[in-house]
């Protein structure tokens, strides 16, 4: 079994459309019913106290986005 090399890099705004696809594949696999749209992800990434260029990373295998992660700290209450 060949294990592919995973690369983690910071988010770029051009990643959003592929991130929507990745999120929706995950939602489908988990048999959930709340799909993500480009507009909903853009809205989420443009909310106050969230800085996607600092707080979001994407995972790539063979130069294809296969996952992403976000982290944030709300300065109003010091909680993530």
PDB file of N, CA and C in Angstrom:
ATOM      1  N   UNK A   1       0.845  -1.175   0.000  1.00  0.00           N
ATOM      2  CA  UNK A   1       0.000   0.000   0.000  1.00  0.00           C
ATOM      3  C   UNK A   1       0.893   1.241   0.000  1.00  0.00           C
ATOM      4  N   UNK A   2       0.678   2.119  -0.968  1.00  0.00           N
ATOM      5  CA  UNK A   2       1.462   3.345  -1.078  1.00  0.00           C
ATOM      6  C   UNK A   2       0.763   4.470  -0.319  1.00  0.00           C
ATOM      7  N   UNK A   3       1.499   5.098   0.591  1.00  0.00           N
ATOM      8  CA  UNK A   3       0.967   6.250   1.305  1.00  0.00           C
ATOM      9  C   UNK A   3       1.412   7.511   0.598  1.00  0.00           C
ATOM     10  N   UNK A   4       0.455   8.368   0.267  1.00  0.00           N
ATOM     11  CA  UNK A   4       0.781   9.620  -0.402  1.00  0.00           C
ATOM     12  C   UNK A   4       1.273  10.639   0.608  1.00  0.00           C
ATOM     13  N   UNK A   5       2.051  11.543   0.122  1.00  0.00           N
ATOM     14  CA  UNK A   5       2.617  12.606   0.935  1.00  0.00           C
ATOM     15  C   UNK A   5       1.568  13.714   1.095  1.00  0.00           C
ATOM     16  N   UNK A   6       1.256  14.079   2.330  1.00  0.00           N
ATOM     17  CA  UNK A   6       0.297  15.137   2.605  1.00  0.00           C
ATOM     18  C   UNK A   6       1.059  16.436   2.845  1.00  0.00           C
ATOM     19  N   UNK A   7       0.620  17.484   2.187  1.00  0.00           N
ATOM     20  CA  UNK A   7       1.207  18.807   2.357  1.00  0.00           C
ATOM     21  C   UNK A   7       0.162  19.696   3.021  1.00  0.00           C
ATOM     22  N   UNK A   8       0.569  20.399   4.073  1.00  0.00           N
ATOM     23  CA  UNK A   8      -0.304  21.354   4.742  1.00  0.00           C
ATOM     24  C   UNK A   8       0.207  22.745   4.384  1.00  0.00           C
ATOM     25  N   UNK A   9      -0.708  23.589   3.927  1.00  0.00           N
ATOM     26  CA  UNK A   9      -0.313  24.956   3.603  1.00  0.00           C
ATOM     27  C   UNK A   9      -1.414  25.918   4.025  1.00  0.00           C
ATOM     28  N   UNK A  10      -1.078  27.204   4.137  1.00  0.00           N
ATOM     29  CA  UNK A  10      -2.097  28.191   4.491  1.00  0.00           C
ATOM     30  C   UNK A  10      -3.173  28.302   3.412  1.00  0.00           C
ATOM     31  N   UNK A  11      -4.347  28.654   3.841  1.00  0.00           N
ATOM     32  CA  UNK A  11      -5.492  28.901   2.968  1.00  0.00           C
ATOM     33  C   UNK A  11      -5.198  30.035   1.988  1.00  0.00           C
ATOM     34  N   UNK A  12      -5.754  29.919   0.785  1.00  0.00           N
ATOM     35  CA  UNK A  12      -5.769  30.984  -0.215  1.00  0.00           C
ATOM     36  C   UNK A  12      -7.211  31.132  -0.679  1.00  0.00           C
ATOM     37  N   UNK A  13      -7.631  32.363  -0.980  1.00  0.00           N
ATOM     38  CA  UNK A  13      -9.035  32.595  -1.345  1.00  0.00           C
ATOM     39  C   UNK A  13      -9.466  31.763  -2.542  1.00  0.00           C
ATOM     40  N   UNK A  14      -8.567  31.453  -3.452  1.00  0.00           N
ATOM     41  CA  UNK A  14      -8.917  30.634  -4.619  1.00  0.00           C
ATOM     42  C   UNK A  14      -9.245  29.192  -4.240  1.00  0.00           C
ATOM     43  N   UNK A  15      -8.962  28.797  -2.997  1.00  0.00           N
ATOM     44  CA  UNK A  15      -9.249  27.441  -2.531  1.00  0.00           C
ATOM     45  C   UNK A  15     -10.739  27.207  -2.257  1.00  0.00           C
ATOM     46  N   UNK A  16     -11.501  28.270  -2.063  1.00  0.00           N
ATOM     47  CA  UNK A  16     -12.884  28.127  -1.608  1.00  0.00           C
ATOM     48  C   UNK A  16     -13.737  27.153  -2.429  1.00  0.00           C
ATOM     49  N   UNK A  17     -13.775  27.238  -3.764  1.00  0.00           N
ATOM     50  CA  UNK A  17     -14.644  26.311  -4.507  1.00  0.00           C
ATOM     51  C   UNK A  17     -14.317  24.836  -4.245  1.00  0.00           C
ATOM     52  N   UNK A  18     -13.045  24.492  -4.182  1.00  0.00           N
ATOM     53  CA  UNK A  18     -12.665  23.099  -3.928  1.00  0.00           C
ATOM     54  C   UNK A  18     -12.988  22.729  -2.482  1.00  0.00           C
ATOM     55  N   UNK A  19     -12.836  23.668  -1.565  1.00  0.00           N
ATOM     56  CA  UNK A  19     -13.168  23.399  -0.169  1.00  0.00           C
ATOM     57  C   UNK A  19     -14.659  23.095  -0.016  1.00  0.00           C
ATOM     58  N   UNK A  20     -15.495  23.750  -0.791  1.00  0.00           N
ATOM     59  CA  UNK A  20     -16.936  23.450  -0.778  1.00  0.00           C
ATOM     60  C   UNK A  20     -17.157  22.003  -1.215  1.00  0.00           C
ATOM     61  N   UNK A  21     -16.491  21.581  -2.278  1.00  0.00           N
ATOM     62  CA  UNK A  21     -16.618  20.196  -2.757  1.00  0.00           C
ATOM     63  C   UNK A  21     -16.161  19.204  -1.699  1.00  0.00           C
ATOM     64  N   UNK A  22     -15.032  19.484  -1.071  1.00  0.00           N
ATOM     65  CA  UNK A  22     -14.493  18.595  -0.040  1.00  0.00           C
ATOM     66  C   UNK A  22     -15.460  18.506   1.137  1.00  0.00           C
ATOM     67  N   UNK A  23     -15.970  19.649   1.580  1.00  0.00           N
ATOM     68  CA  UNK A  23     -16.910  19.662   2.708  1.00  0.00           C
ATOM     69  C   UNK A  23     -18.170  18.876   2.363  1.00  0.00           C
ATOM     70  N   UNK A  24     -18.682  19.055   1.161  1.00  0.00           N
ATOM     71  CA  UNK A  24     -19.914  18.361   0.779  1.00  0.00           C
ATOM     72  C   UNK A  24     -19.708  16.857   0.599  1.00  0.00           C
ATOM     73  N   UNK A  25     -18.534  16.430   0.168  1.00  0.00           N
ATOM     74  CA  UNK A  25     -18.249  14.985   0.115  1.00  0.00           C
ATOM     75  C   UNK A  25     -18.232  14.405   1.522  1.00  0.00           C
ATOM     76  N   UNK A  26     -17.654  15.133   2.454  1.00  0.00           N
ATOM     77  CA  UNK A  26     -17.627  14.683   3.846  1.00  0.00           C
ATOM     78  C   UNK A  26     -19.041  14.613   4.421  1.00  0.00           C
ATOM     79  N   UNK A  27     -19.833  15.629   4.141  1.00  0.00           N
ATOM     80  CA  UNK A  27     -21.218  15.660   4.617  1.00  0.00           C
ATOM     81  C   UNK A  27     -21.990  14.467   4.058  1.00  0.00           C
ATOM     82  N   UNK A  28     -21.797  14.192   2.783  1.00  0.00           N
ATOM     83  CA  UNK A  28     -22.474  13.063   2.145  1.00  0.00           C
ATOM     84  C   UNK A  28     -22.029  11.736   2.765  1.00  0.00           C
ATOM     85  N   UNK A  29     -20.735  11.567   2.977  1.00  0.00           N
ATOM     86  CA  UNK A  29     -20.221  10.327   3.572  1.00  0.00           C
ATOM     87  C   UNK A  29     -20.746  10.118   4.984  1.00  0.00           C
ATOM     88  N   UNK A  30     -20.958  11.219   5.701  1.00  0.00           N
ATOM     89  CA  UNK A  30     -21.480  11.134   7.067  1.00  0.00           C
ATOM     90  C   UNK A  30     -23.002  11.121   7.113  1.00  0.00           C
ATOM     91  N   UNK A  31     -23.618  11.061   5.944  1.00  0.00           N
ATOM     92  CA  UNK A  31     -25.071  11.007   5.797  1.00  0.00           C
ATOM     93  C   UNK A  31     -25.756  12.165   6.511  1.00  0.00           C
ATOM     94  N   UNK A  32     -25.156  13.331   6.397  1.00  0.00           N
ATOM     95  CA  UNK A  32     -25.755  14.547   6.926  1.00  0.00           C
ATOM     96  C   UNK A  32     -26.518  15.221   5.794  1.00  0.00           C
ATOM     97  N   UNK A  33     -27.282  16.254   6.123  1.00  0.00           N
ATOM     98  CA  UNK A  33     -28.094  16.875   5.081  1.00  0.00           C
ATOM     99  C   UNK A  33     -27.939  18.388   4.977  1.00  0.00           C
ATOM    100  N   UNK A  34     -26.959  18.962   5.638  1.00  0.00           N
ATOM    101  CA  UNK A  34     -26.741  20.406   5.555  1.00  0.00           C
ATOM    102  C   UNK A  34     -25.519  20.676   4.694  1.00  0.00           C
ATOM    103  N   UNK A  35     -25.747  20.819   3.401  1.00  0.00           N
ATOM    104  CA  UNK A  35     -24.649  21.022   2.464  1.00  0.00           C
ATOM    105  C   UNK A  35     -24.117  22.450   2.538  1.00  0.00           C
ATOM    106  N   UNK A  36     -22.867  22.598   2.136  1.00  0.00           N
ATOM    107  CA  UNK A  36     -22.168  23.877   2.122  1.00  0.00           C
ATOM    108  C   UNK A  36     -22.273  24.465   0.721  1.00  0.00           C
ATOM    109  N   UNK A  37     -22.460  25.770   0.641  1.00  0.00           N
ATOM    110  CA  UNK A  37     -22.430  26.461  -0.642  1.00  0.00           C
ATOM    111  C   UNK A  37     -21.227  27.402  -0.645  1.00  0.00           C
ATOM    112  N   UNK A  38     -20.845  27.837  -1.816  1.00  0.00           N
ATOM    113  CA  UNK A  38     -19.752  28.798  -1.913  1.00  0.00           C
ATOM    114  C   UNK A  38     -20.101  30.059  -1.127  1.00  0.00           C
ATOM    115  N   UNK A  39     -21.347  30.483  -1.245  1.00  0.00           N
ATOM    116  CA  UNK A  39     -21.777  31.691  -0.550  1.00  0.00           C
ATOM    117  C   UNK A  39     -21.729  31.518   0.967  1.00  0.00           C
ATOM    118  N   UNK A  40     -22.145  30.367   1.458  1.00  0.00           N
ATOM    119  CA  UNK A  40     -22.142  30.156   2.911  1.00  0.00           C
ATOM    120  C   UNK A  40     -20.715  30.084   3.452  1.00  0.00           C
ATOM    121  N   UNK A  41     -19.804  29.474   2.693  1.00  0.00           N
ATOM    122  CA  UNK A  41     -18.413  29.403   3.140  1.00  0.00           C
ATOM    123  C   UNK A  41     -17.762  30.784   3.087  1.00  0.00           C
ATOM    124  N   UNK A  42     -18.049  31.558   2.044  1.00  0.00           N
ATOM    125  CA  UNK A  42     -17.524  32.925   1.961  1.00  0.00           C
ATOM    126  C   UNK A  42     -18.031  33.758   3.130  1.00  0.00           C
ATOM    127  N   UNK A  43     -19.315  33.633   3.429  1.00  0.00           N
ATOM    128  CA  UNK A  43     -19.897  34.377   4.549  1.00  0.00           C
ATOM    129  C   UNK A  43     -19.224  33.973   5.861  1.00  0.00           C
ATOM    130  N   UNK A  44     -19.023  32.698   6.042  1.00  0.00           N
ATOM    131  CA  UNK A  44     -18.365  32.190   7.244  1.00  0.00           C
ATOM    132  C   UNK A  44     -16.939  32.736   7.360  1.00  0.00           C
ATOM    133  N   UNK A  45     -16.237  32.793   6.250  1.00  0.00           N
ATOM    134  CA  UNK A  45     -14.849  33.242   6.267  1.00  0.00           C
ATOM    135  C   UNK A  45     -14.709  34.760   6.346  1.00  0.00           C
ATOM    136  N   UNK A  46     -15.803  35.485   6.159  1.00  0.00           N
ATOM    137  CA  UNK A  46     -15.777  36.948   6.240  1.00  0.00           C
ATOM    138  C   UNK A  46     -16.377  37.490   7.530  1.00  0.00           C
ATOM    139  N   UNK A  47     -16.653  36.626   8.483  1.00  0.00           N
ATOM    140  CA  UNK A  47     -17.263  37.106   9.722  1.00  0.00           C
ATOM    141  C   UNK A  47     -16.216  37.775  10.619  1.00  0.00           C
ATOM    142  N   UNK A  48     -16.684  38.609  11.548  1.00  0.00           N
ATOM    143  CA  UNK A  48     -15.744  39.292  12.448  1.00  0.00           C
ATOM    144  C   UNK A  48     -14.921  38.298  13.270  1.00  0.00           C
ATOM    145  N   UNK A  49     -13.724  38.693  13.575  1.00  0.00           N
ATOM    146  CA  UNK A  49     -12.815  37.938  14.430  1.00  0.00           C
ATOM    147  C   UNK A  49     -12.309  36.645  13.795  1.00  0.00           C
ATOM    148  N   UNK A  50     -12.551  36.459  12.516  1.00  0.00           N
ATOM    149  CA  UNK A  50     -12.019  35.284  11.836  1.00  0.00           C
ATOM    150  C   UNK A  50     -11.111  35.764  10.721  1.00  0.00           C
ATOM    151  N   UNK A  51      -9.906  35.283  10.704  1.00  0.00           N
ATOM    152  CA  UNK A  51      -8.910  35.699   9.726  1.00  0.00           C
ATOM    153  C   UNK A  51      -8.429  34.470   8.957  1.00  0.00           C
ATOM    154  N   UNK A  52      -9.135  34.111   7.880  1.00  0.00           N
ATOM    155  CA  UNK A  52      -8.838  32.850   7.203  1.00  0.00           C
ATOM    156  C   UNK A  52      -7.409  32.721   6.692  1.00  0.00           C
ATOM    157  N   UNK A  53      -6.779  33.824   6.337  1.00  0.00           N
ATOM    158  CA  UNK A  53      -5.403  33.728   5.849  1.00  0.00           C
ATOM    159  C   UNK A  53      -4.436  33.345   6.957  1.00  0.00           C
ATOM    160  N   UNK A  54      -4.881  33.454   8.208  1.00  0.00           N
ATOM    161  CA  UNK A  54      -4.070  33.084   9.367  1.00  0.00           C
ATOM    162  C   UNK A  54      -4.634  31.842  10.054  1.00  0.00           C
ATOM    163  N   UNK A  55      -5.966  31.709  10.061  1.00  0.00           N
ATOM    164  CA  UNK A  55      -6.638  30.683  10.852  1.00  0.00           C
ATOM    165  C   UNK A  55      -7.096  29.457  10.090  1.00  0.00           C
ATOM    166  N   UNK A  56      -6.758  29.346   8.831  1.00  0.00           N
ATOM    167  CA  UNK A  56      -7.223  28.206   8.047  1.00  0.00           C
ATOM    168  C   UNK A  56      -6.054  27.597   7.288  1.00  0.00           C
ATOM    169  N   UNK A  57      -6.033  26.268   7.276  1.00  0.00           N
ATOM    170  CA  UNK A  57      -5.015  25.523   6.549  1.00  0.00           C
ATOM    171  C   UNK A  57      -5.698  24.483   5.676  1.00  0.00           C
ATOM    172  N   UNK A  58      -5.079  24.184   4.541  1.00  0.00           N
ATOM    173  CA  UNK A  58      -5.604  23.143   3.669  1.00  0.00           C
ATOM    174  C   UNK A  58      -4.598  22.003   3.600  1.00  0.00           C
ATOM    175  N   UNK A  59      -5.123  20.807   3.407  1.00  0.00           N
ATOM    176  CA  UNK A  59      -4.295  19.612   3.249  1.00  0.00           C
ATOM    177  C   UNK A  59      -4.380  19.182   1.790  1.00  0.00           C
ATOM    178  N   UNK A  60      -3.218  18.923   1.208  1.00  0.00           N
ATOM    179  CA  UNK A  60      -3.150  18.526  -0.195  1.00  0.00           C
ATOM    180  C   UNK A  60      -2.450  17.181  -0.344  1.00  0.00           C
ATOM    181  N   UNK A  61      -2.946  16.391  -1.261  1.00  0.00           N
ATOM    182  CA  UNK A  61      -2.285  15.158  -1.696  1.00  0.00           C
ATOM    183  C   UNK A  61      -2.206  15.254  -3.213  1.00  0.00           C
ATOM    184  N   UNK A  62      -1.017  15.096  -3.733  1.00  0.00           N
ATOM    185  CA  UNK A  62      -0.795  15.222  -5.185  1.00  0.00           C
ATOM    186  C   UNK A  62      -1.351  16.548  -5.709  1.00  0.00           C
ATOM    187  N   UNK A  63      -1.123  17.609  -4.960  1.00  0.00           N
ATOM    188  CA  UNK A  63      -1.549  18.968  -5.318  1.00  0.00           C
ATOM    189  C   UNK A  63      -3.066  19.158  -5.366  1.00  0.00           C
ATOM    190  N   UNK A  64      -3.813  18.232  -4.793  1.00  0.00           N
ATOM    191  CA  UNK A  64      -5.274  18.339  -4.734  1.00  0.00           C
ATOM    192  C   UNK A  64      -5.700  18.536  -3.282  1.00  0.00           C
ATOM    193  N   UNK A  65      -6.589  19.487  -3.047  1.00  0.00           N
ATOM    194  CA  UNK A  65      -7.089  19.717  -1.691  1.00  0.00           C
ATOM    195  C   UNK A  65      -7.945  18.527  -1.285  1.00  0.00           C
ATOM    196  N   UNK A  66      -7.612  17.920  -0.153  1.00  0.00           N
ATOM    197  CA  UNK A  66      -8.353  16.768   0.353  1.00  0.00           C
ATOM    198  C   UNK A  66      -8.973  17.054   1.719  1.00  0.00           C
ATOM    199  N   UNK A  67      -8.651  18.203   2.282  1.00  0.00           N
ATOM    200  CA  UNK A  67      -9.213  18.558   3.578  1.00  0.00           C
ATOM    201  C   UNK A  67      -8.777  19.950   3.979  1.00  0.00           C
ATOM    202  N   UNK A  68      -9.420  20.455   5.024  1.00  0.00           N
ATOM    203  CA  UNK A  68      -9.017  21.747   5.558  1.00  0.00           C
ATOM    204  C   UNK A  68      -9.398  21.829   7.022  1.00  0.00           C
ATOM    205  N   UNK A  69      -8.772  22.775   7.692  1.00  0.00           N
ATOM    206  CA  UNK A  69      -9.018  22.967   9.115  1.00  0.00           C
ATOM    207  C   UNK A  69      -9.025  24.463   9.410  1.00  0.00           C
ATOM    208  N   UNK A  70      -9.886  24.861  10.337  1.00  0.00           N
ATOM    209  CA  UNK A  70      -9.910  26.251  10.779  1.00  0.00           C
ATOM    210  C   UNK A  70      -9.813  26.278  12.299  1.00  0.00           C
ATOM    211  N   UNK A  71      -9.281  27.352  12.794  1.00  0.00           N
ATOM    212  CA  UNK A  71      -9.201  27.575  14.242  1.00  0.00           C
ATOM    213  C   UNK A  71      -9.367  29.070  14.466  1.00  0.00           C
ATOM    214  N   UNK A  72     -10.039  29.406  15.545  1.00  0.00           N
ATOM    215  CA  UNK A  72     -10.226  30.810  15.831  1.00  0.00           C
ATOM    216  C   UNK A  72     -10.363  31.027  17.332  1.00  0.00           C
ATOM    217  N   UNK A  73     -10.049  32.234  17.737  1.00  0.00           N
ATOM    218  CA  UNK A  73     -10.203  32.653  19.120  1.00  0.00           C
ATOM    219  C   UNK A  73     -11.027  33.924  19.085  1.00  0.00           C
ATOM    220  N   UNK A  74     -12.155  33.919  19.743  1.00  0.00           N
ATOM    221  CA  UNK A  74     -13.011  35.093  19.786  1.00  0.00           C
ATOM    222  C   UNK A  74     -12.476  36.037  20.858  1.00  0.00           C
ATOM    223  N   UNK A  75     -11.954  37.212  20.463  1.00  0.00           N
ATOM    224  CA  UNK A  75     -11.338  38.108  21.438  1.00  0.00           C
ATOM    225  C   UNK A  75     -12.324  38.682  22.445  1.00  0.00           C
ATOM    226  N   UNK A  76     -13.606  38.590  22.155  1.00  0.00           N
ATOM    227  CA  UNK A  76     -14.605  39.121  23.077  1.00  0.00           C
ATOM    228  C   UNK A  76     -14.687  38.292  24.355  1.00  0.00           C
ATOM    229  N   UNK A  77     -14.396  36.986  24.233  1.00  0.00           N
ATOM    230  CA  UNK A  77     -14.493  36.140  25.430  1.00  0.00           C
ATOM    231  C   UNK A  77     -13.289  35.211  25.614  1.00  0.00           C
ATOM    232  N   UNK A  78     -12.317  35.287  24.701  1.00  0.00           N
ATOM    233  CA  UNK A  78     -11.097  34.505  24.836  1.00  0.00           C
ATOM    234  C   UNK A  78     -11.281  33.018  24.614  1.00  0.00           C
ATOM    235  N   UNK A  79     -12.378  32.620  23.949  1.00  0.00           N
ATOM    236  CA  UNK A  79     -12.637  31.201  23.720  1.00  0.00           C
ATOM    237  C   UNK A  79     -12.677  30.911  22.233  1.00  0.00           C
ATOM    238  N   UNK A  80     -12.291  29.685  21.894  1.00  0.00           N
ATOM    239  CA  UNK A  80     -12.302  29.249  20.495  1.00  0.00           C
ATOM    240  C   UNK A  80     -13.577  28.584  20.127  1.00  0.00           C
TER     241      UNK A  80
END
